[in-house]
Amino acid sequence: MTLLQEYQEPDTLEGRLHDADAVTTGLMAEIVGTVCRRFPPLRSTGKTARIARLIESEAWTDAALALIDLELPQWQVRRIAYDEGEWHCALSRQRELPDWLDQAIEARHADLPLAILAAFVEARHATAPSNRTSVPPTPSRANLGCEPVCCDNFA
């Protein structure tokens, strides 16, 4: 990773995850509130009740893995490794592909749950629906100062 890739804005969720020393209930609540779409605040299903119990008991690693299972069912943990004082977590859509073909999302942190949560937030942002359409917008006719005219000679 380059130095530019390692720098995170401190006022973003990614920056707070990068700067945190450990997971707290407040940080987990912020992740659930801002990133999670399938975690219903009022109605609890089996999976969401389990995640709530894991958060309540401060089982951060299990809660992070359960959030990935609930929010990103098409993503799987490709690799969790500890190297030189940091945990590396890679999430992938196609785990069976070789590393050089896979487009995995990777994150690292000194704390294992924070590494998993950082990869989860990045994967969630990567799968977020885009506001842009596939076709660029055309200018409306009301704003044109003149009428377009065909000048081709079809004779």
C-alpha atoms as a PDB file:
ATOM      1  CA  MET A   1       0.000   0.000   0.000  1.00  0.00           C
ATOM      2  CA  THR A   2       1.173   3.491  -0.739  1.00  0.00           C
ATOM      3  CA  LEU A   3       1.165   6.293   1.774  1.00  0.00           C
ATOM      4  CA  LEU A   4      -1.841   7.889   0.062  1.00  0.00           C
ATOM      5  CA  GLN A   5      -3.866   4.696   0.398  1.00  0.00           C
ATOM      6  CA  GLU A   6      -3.056   4.409   4.092  1.00  0.00           C
ATOM      7  CA  TYR A   7      -4.232   7.941   4.957  1.00  0.00           C
ATOM      8  CA  GLN A   8      -7.870   8.137   5.991  1.00  0.00           C
ATOM      9  CA  GLU A   9      -9.853  11.290   6.708  1.00  0.00           C
ATOM     10  CA  PRO A  10     -10.481  11.328  10.486  1.00  0.00           C
ATOM     11  CA  ASP A  11     -14.080  12.557  10.134  1.00  0.00           C
ATOM     12  CA  THR A  12     -15.148   9.593   7.973  1.00  0.00           C
ATOM     13  CA  LEU A  13     -16.190   6.194   9.258  1.00  0.00           C
ATOM     14  CA  GLU A  14     -13.166   4.621   7.575  1.00  0.00           C
ATOM     15  CA  GLY A  15     -10.905   7.133   9.315  1.00  0.00           C
ATOM     16  CA  ARG A  16     -12.447   6.435  12.714  1.00  0.00           C
ATOM     17  CA  LEU A  17     -12.010   2.695  12.151  1.00  0.00           C
ATOM     18  CA  HIS A  18      -8.382   3.253  11.175  1.00  0.00           C
ATOM     19  CA  ASP A  19      -7.673   5.453  14.211  1.00  0.00           C
ATOM     20  CA  ALA A  20      -9.527   3.320  16.789  1.00  0.00           C
ATOM     21  CA  ASP A  21      -7.622   1.103  19.187  1.00  0.00           C
ATOM     22  CA  ALA A  22     -10.529  -1.254  19.874  1.00  0.00           C
ATOM     23  CA  VAL A  23     -14.175  -1.704  18.976  1.00  0.00           C
ATOM     24  CA  THR A  24     -16.669   0.032  21.227  1.00  0.00           C
ATOM     25  CA  THR A  25     -20.426  -0.212  21.417  1.00  0.00           C
ATOM     26  CA  GLY A  26     -20.692   3.329  20.037  1.00  0.00           C
ATOM     27  CA  LEU A  27     -18.489   2.541  17.042  1.00  0.00           C
ATOM     28  CA  MET A  28     -20.455  -0.625  16.314  1.00  0.00           C
ATOM     29  CA  ALA A  29     -23.733   1.309  16.598  1.00  0.00           C
ATOM     30  CA  GLU A  30     -22.394   3.879  14.127  1.00  0.00           C
ATOM     31  CA  ILE A  31     -21.423   1.135  11.663  1.00  0.00           C
ATOM     32  CA  VAL A  32     -24.819  -0.525  11.964  1.00  0.00           C
ATOM     33  CA  GLY A  33     -26.603   2.818  11.649  1.00  0.00           C
ATOM     34  CA  THR A  34     -24.726   4.157   8.639  1.00  0.00           C
ATOM     35  CA  VAL A  35     -23.626   1.127   6.625  1.00  0.00           C
ATOM     36  CA  CYS A  36     -26.141  -1.623   7.327  1.00  0.00           C
ATOM     37  CA  ARG A  37     -29.365  -1.678   5.315  1.00  0.00           C
ATOM     38  CA  ARG A  38     -30.722  -5.094   6.256  1.00  0.00           C
ATOM     39  CA  PHE A  39     -30.387  -4.618   9.996  1.00  0.00           C
ATOM     40  CA  PRO A  40     -33.924  -3.555  10.977  1.00  0.00           C
ATOM     41  CA  PRO A  41     -34.096  -1.207  13.946  1.00  0.00           C
ATOM     42  CA  LEU A  42     -37.536  -2.228  15.147  1.00  0.00           C
ATOM     43  CA  ARG A  43     -38.218  -5.796  13.992  1.00  0.00           C
ATOM     44  CA  SER A  44     -35.666  -8.442  14.813  1.00  0.00           C
ATOM     45  CA  THR A  45     -35.220 -11.660  12.921  1.00  0.00           C
ATOM     46  CA  GLY A  46     -33.066 -14.593  13.950  1.00  0.00           C
ATOM     47  CA  LYS A  47     -29.886 -13.190  12.432  1.00  0.00           C
ATOM     48  CA  THR A  48     -30.380  -9.651  13.694  1.00  0.00           C
ATOM     49  CA  ALA A  49     -31.249 -10.859  17.195  1.00  0.00           C
ATOM     50  CA  ARG A  50     -28.044 -12.917  17.193  1.00  0.00           C
ATOM     51  CA  ILE A  51     -26.001  -9.888  16.096  1.00  0.00           C
ATOM     52  CA  ALA A  52     -27.634  -7.767  18.810  1.00  0.00           C
ATOM     53  CA  ARG A  53     -26.734 -10.400  21.431  1.00  0.00           C
ATOM     54  CA  LEU A  54     -23.135 -10.541  20.134  1.00  0.00           C
ATOM     55  CA  ILE A  55     -22.829  -6.751  20.319  1.00  0.00           C
ATOM     56  CA  GLU A  56     -24.351  -6.707  23.800  1.00  0.00           C
ATOM     57  CA  SER A  57     -21.861  -9.331  24.995  1.00  0.00           C
ATOM     58  CA  GLU A  58     -19.002  -7.479  23.229  1.00  0.00           C
ATOM     59  CA  ALA A  59     -18.089 -10.448  21.024  1.00  0.00           C
ATOM     60  CA  TRP A  60     -16.757  -8.087  18.361  1.00  0.00           C
ATOM     61  CA  THR A  61     -15.156 -10.600  15.985  1.00  0.00           C
ATOM     62  CA  ASP A  62     -18.249 -12.789  15.871  1.00  0.00           C
ATOM     63  CA  ALA A  63     -20.468  -9.715  15.472  1.00  0.00           C
ATOM     64  CA  ALA A  64     -18.355  -8.429  12.564  1.00  0.00           C
ATOM     65  CA  LEU A  65     -18.500 -11.801  10.802  1.00  0.00           C
ATOM     66  CA  ALA A  66     -22.259 -12.022  11.414  1.00  0.00           C
ATOM     67  CA  LEU A  67     -22.717  -8.534   9.910  1.00  0.00           C
ATOM     68  CA  ILE A  68     -20.900  -9.668   6.771  1.00  0.00           C
ATOM     69  CA  ASP A  69     -23.147 -12.721   6.601  1.00  0.00           C
ATOM     70  CA  LEU A  70     -26.292 -10.583   6.985  1.00  0.00           C
ATOM     71  CA  GLU A  71     -25.424  -7.535   4.895  1.00  0.00           C
ATOM     72  CA  LEU A  72     -23.189  -9.014   2.202  1.00  0.00           C
ATOM     73  CA  PRO A  73     -24.308 -12.597   1.634  1.00  0.00           C
ATOM     74  CA  GLN A  74     -22.490 -12.771  -1.708  1.00  0.00           C
ATOM     75  CA  TRP A  75     -19.155 -11.880  -0.045  1.00  0.00           C
ATOM     76  CA  GLN A  76     -17.029 -14.340   1.917  1.00  0.00           C
ATOM     77  CA  VAL A  77     -13.910 -14.078   4.008  1.00  0.00           C
ATOM     78  CA  ARG A  78     -11.054 -15.009   1.715  1.00  0.00           C
ATOM     79  CA  ARG A  79      -8.178 -14.610   4.137  1.00  0.00           C
ATOM     80  CA  ILE A  80      -7.472 -13.568   7.709  1.00  0.00           C
ATOM     81  CA  ALA A  81      -3.792 -13.417   8.525  1.00  0.00           C
ATOM     82  CA  TYR A  82      -1.579 -11.924  11.231  1.00  0.00           C
ATOM     83  CA  ASP A  83       1.690 -10.470   9.971  1.00  0.00           C
ATOM     84  CA  GLU A  84       4.159  -8.085  11.609  1.00  0.00           C
ATOM     85  CA  GLY A  85       1.761  -6.900  14.302  1.00  0.00           C
ATOM     86  CA  GLU A  86      -1.266  -6.367  12.054  1.00  0.00           C
ATOM     87  CA  TRP A  87      -4.308  -8.386  11.097  1.00  0.00           C
ATOM     88  CA  HIS A  88      -5.054  -8.559   7.381  1.00  0.00           C
ATOM     89  CA  CYS A  89      -8.610  -9.352   6.284  1.00  0.00           C
ATOM     90  CA  ALA A  90      -9.640  -9.978   2.686  1.00  0.00           C
ATOM     91  CA  LEU A  91     -13.250 -10.295   1.531  1.00  0.00           C
ATOM     92  CA  SER A  92     -14.084 -11.720  -1.862  1.00  0.00           C
ATOM     93  CA  ARG A  93     -17.063 -12.561  -4.012  1.00  0.00           C
ATOM     94  CA  GLN A  94     -15.258 -15.434  -5.729  1.00  0.00           C
ATOM     95  CA  ARG A  95     -13.079 -17.176  -3.197  1.00  0.00           C
ATOM     96  CA  GLU A  96     -12.163 -20.051  -5.496  1.00  0.00           C
ATOM     97  CA  LEU A  97     -10.295 -17.832  -7.984  1.00  0.00           C
ATOM     98  CA  PRO A  98      -6.525 -17.508  -7.684  1.00  0.00           C
ATOM     99  CA  ASP A  99      -5.313 -14.419  -5.803  1.00  0.00           C
ATOM    100  CA  TRP A 100      -4.054 -12.728  -8.946  1.00  0.00           C
ATOM    101  CA  LEU A 101      -7.483 -12.976 -10.632  1.00  0.00           C
ATOM    102  CA  ASP A 102      -9.638 -12.112  -7.642  1.00  0.00           C
ATOM    103  CA  GLN A 103     -10.714  -8.559  -6.906  1.00  0.00           C
ATOM    104  CA  ALA A 104     -10.735  -8.888  -3.145  1.00  0.00           C
ATOM    105  CA  ILE A 105     -11.263  -6.034  -0.709  1.00  0.00           C
ATOM    106  CA  GLU A 106      -8.450  -5.945   1.823  1.00  0.00           C
ATOM    107  CA  ALA A 107      -8.093  -4.089   5.095  1.00  0.00           C
ATOM    108  CA  ARG A 108      -5.590  -4.228   7.912  1.00  0.00           C
ATOM    109  CA  HIS A 109      -5.481  -3.150  11.517  1.00  0.00           C
ATOM    110  CA  ALA A 110      -3.722  -4.093  14.741  1.00  0.00           C
ATOM    111  CA  ASP A 111      -7.069  -5.275  16.170  1.00  0.00           C
ATOM    112  CA  LEU A 112      -8.763  -8.249  14.449  1.00  0.00           C
ATOM    113  CA  PRO A 113     -12.400  -7.045  14.738  1.00  0.00           C
ATOM    114  CA  LEU A 114     -11.413  -3.619  13.406  1.00  0.00           C
ATOM    115  CA  ALA A 115      -9.650  -5.194  10.416  1.00  0.00           C
ATOM    116  CA  ILE A 116     -12.782  -7.238   9.633  1.00  0.00           C
ATOM    117  CA  LEU A 117     -15.066  -4.226  10.100  1.00  0.00           C
ATOM    118  CA  ALA A 118     -12.854  -2.033   7.890  1.00  0.00           C
ATOM    119  CA  ALA A 119     -13.009  -4.638   5.114  1.00  0.00           C
ATOM    120  CA  PHE A 120     -16.778  -4.882   5.623  1.00  0.00           C
ATOM    121  CA  VAL A 121     -17.258  -1.106   5.307  1.00  0.00           C
ATOM    122  CA  GLU A 122     -15.081  -1.002   2.162  1.00  0.00           C
ATOM    123  CA  ALA A 123     -16.984  -3.909   0.596  1.00  0.00           C
ATOM    124  CA  ARG A 124     -20.281  -2.236   1.467  1.00  0.00           C
ATOM    125  CA  HIS A 125     -19.161   0.969  -0.242  1.00  0.00           C
ATOM    126  CA  ALA A 126     -17.988  -1.025  -3.270  1.00  0.00           C
ATOM    127  CA  THR A 127     -21.412  -2.644  -3.636  1.00  0.00           C
ATOM    128  CA  ALA A 128     -23.429   0.509  -2.946  1.00  0.00           C
ATOM    129  CA  PRO A 129     -25.794   1.380  -5.787  1.00  0.00           C
ATOM    130  CA  SER A 130     -24.619   4.217  -7.950  1.00  0.00           C
ATOM    131  CA  ASN A 131     -26.709   7.340  -8.483  1.00  0.00           C
ATOM    132  CA  ARG A 132     -25.466   7.675 -12.025  1.00  0.00           C
ATOM    133  CA  THR A 133     -27.232   6.135 -14.962  1.00  0.00           C
ATOM    134  CA  SER A 134     -25.444   4.169 -17.658  1.00  0.00           C
ATOM    135  CA  VAL A 135     -26.463   6.740 -20.277  1.00  0.00           C
ATOM    136  CA  PRO A 136     -25.269  10.333 -19.890  1.00  0.00           C
ATOM    137  CA  PRO A 137     -28.021  12.925 -19.596  1.00  0.00           C
ATOM    138  CA  THR A 138     -28.881  15.068 -22.603  1.00  0.00           C
ATOM    139  CA  PRO A 139     -29.527  18.778 -22.334  1.00  0.00           C
ATOM    140  CA  SER A 140     -33.156  19.767 -22.353  1.00  0.00           C
ATOM    141  CA  ARG A 141     -34.488  21.559 -25.430  1.00  0.00           C
ATOM    142  CA  ALA A 142     -35.723  24.485 -23.336  1.00  0.00           C
ATOM    143  CA  ASN A 143     -32.158  25.558 -22.562  1.00  0.00           C
ATOM    144  CA  LEU A 144     -30.954  25.598 -26.169  1.00  0.00           C
ATOM    145  CA  GLY A 145     -30.478  29.037 -27.704  1.00  0.00           C
ATOM    146  CA  CYS A 146     -30.922  27.738 -31.238  1.00  0.00           C
ATOM    147  CA  GLU A 147     -32.488  24.838 -33.111  1.00  0.00           C
ATOM    148  CA  PRO A 148     -30.216  22.135 -34.501  1.00  0.00           C
ATOM    149  CA  VAL A 149     -30.468  21.740 -38.272  1.00  0.00           C
ATOM    150  CA  CYS A 150     -29.400  18.828 -40.434  1.00  0.00           C
ATOM    151  CA  CYS A 151     -27.006  20.075 -43.137  1.00  0.00           C
ATOM    152  CA  ASP A 152     -26.325  16.825 -44.987  1.00  0.00           C
ATOM    153  CA  ASN A 153     -27.057  16.647 -48.684  1.00  0.00           C
ATOM    154  CA  PHE A 154     -29.140  13.507 -49.247  1.00  0.00           C
ATOM    155  CA  ALA A 155     -29.669  14.091 -52.980  1.00  0.00           C
END
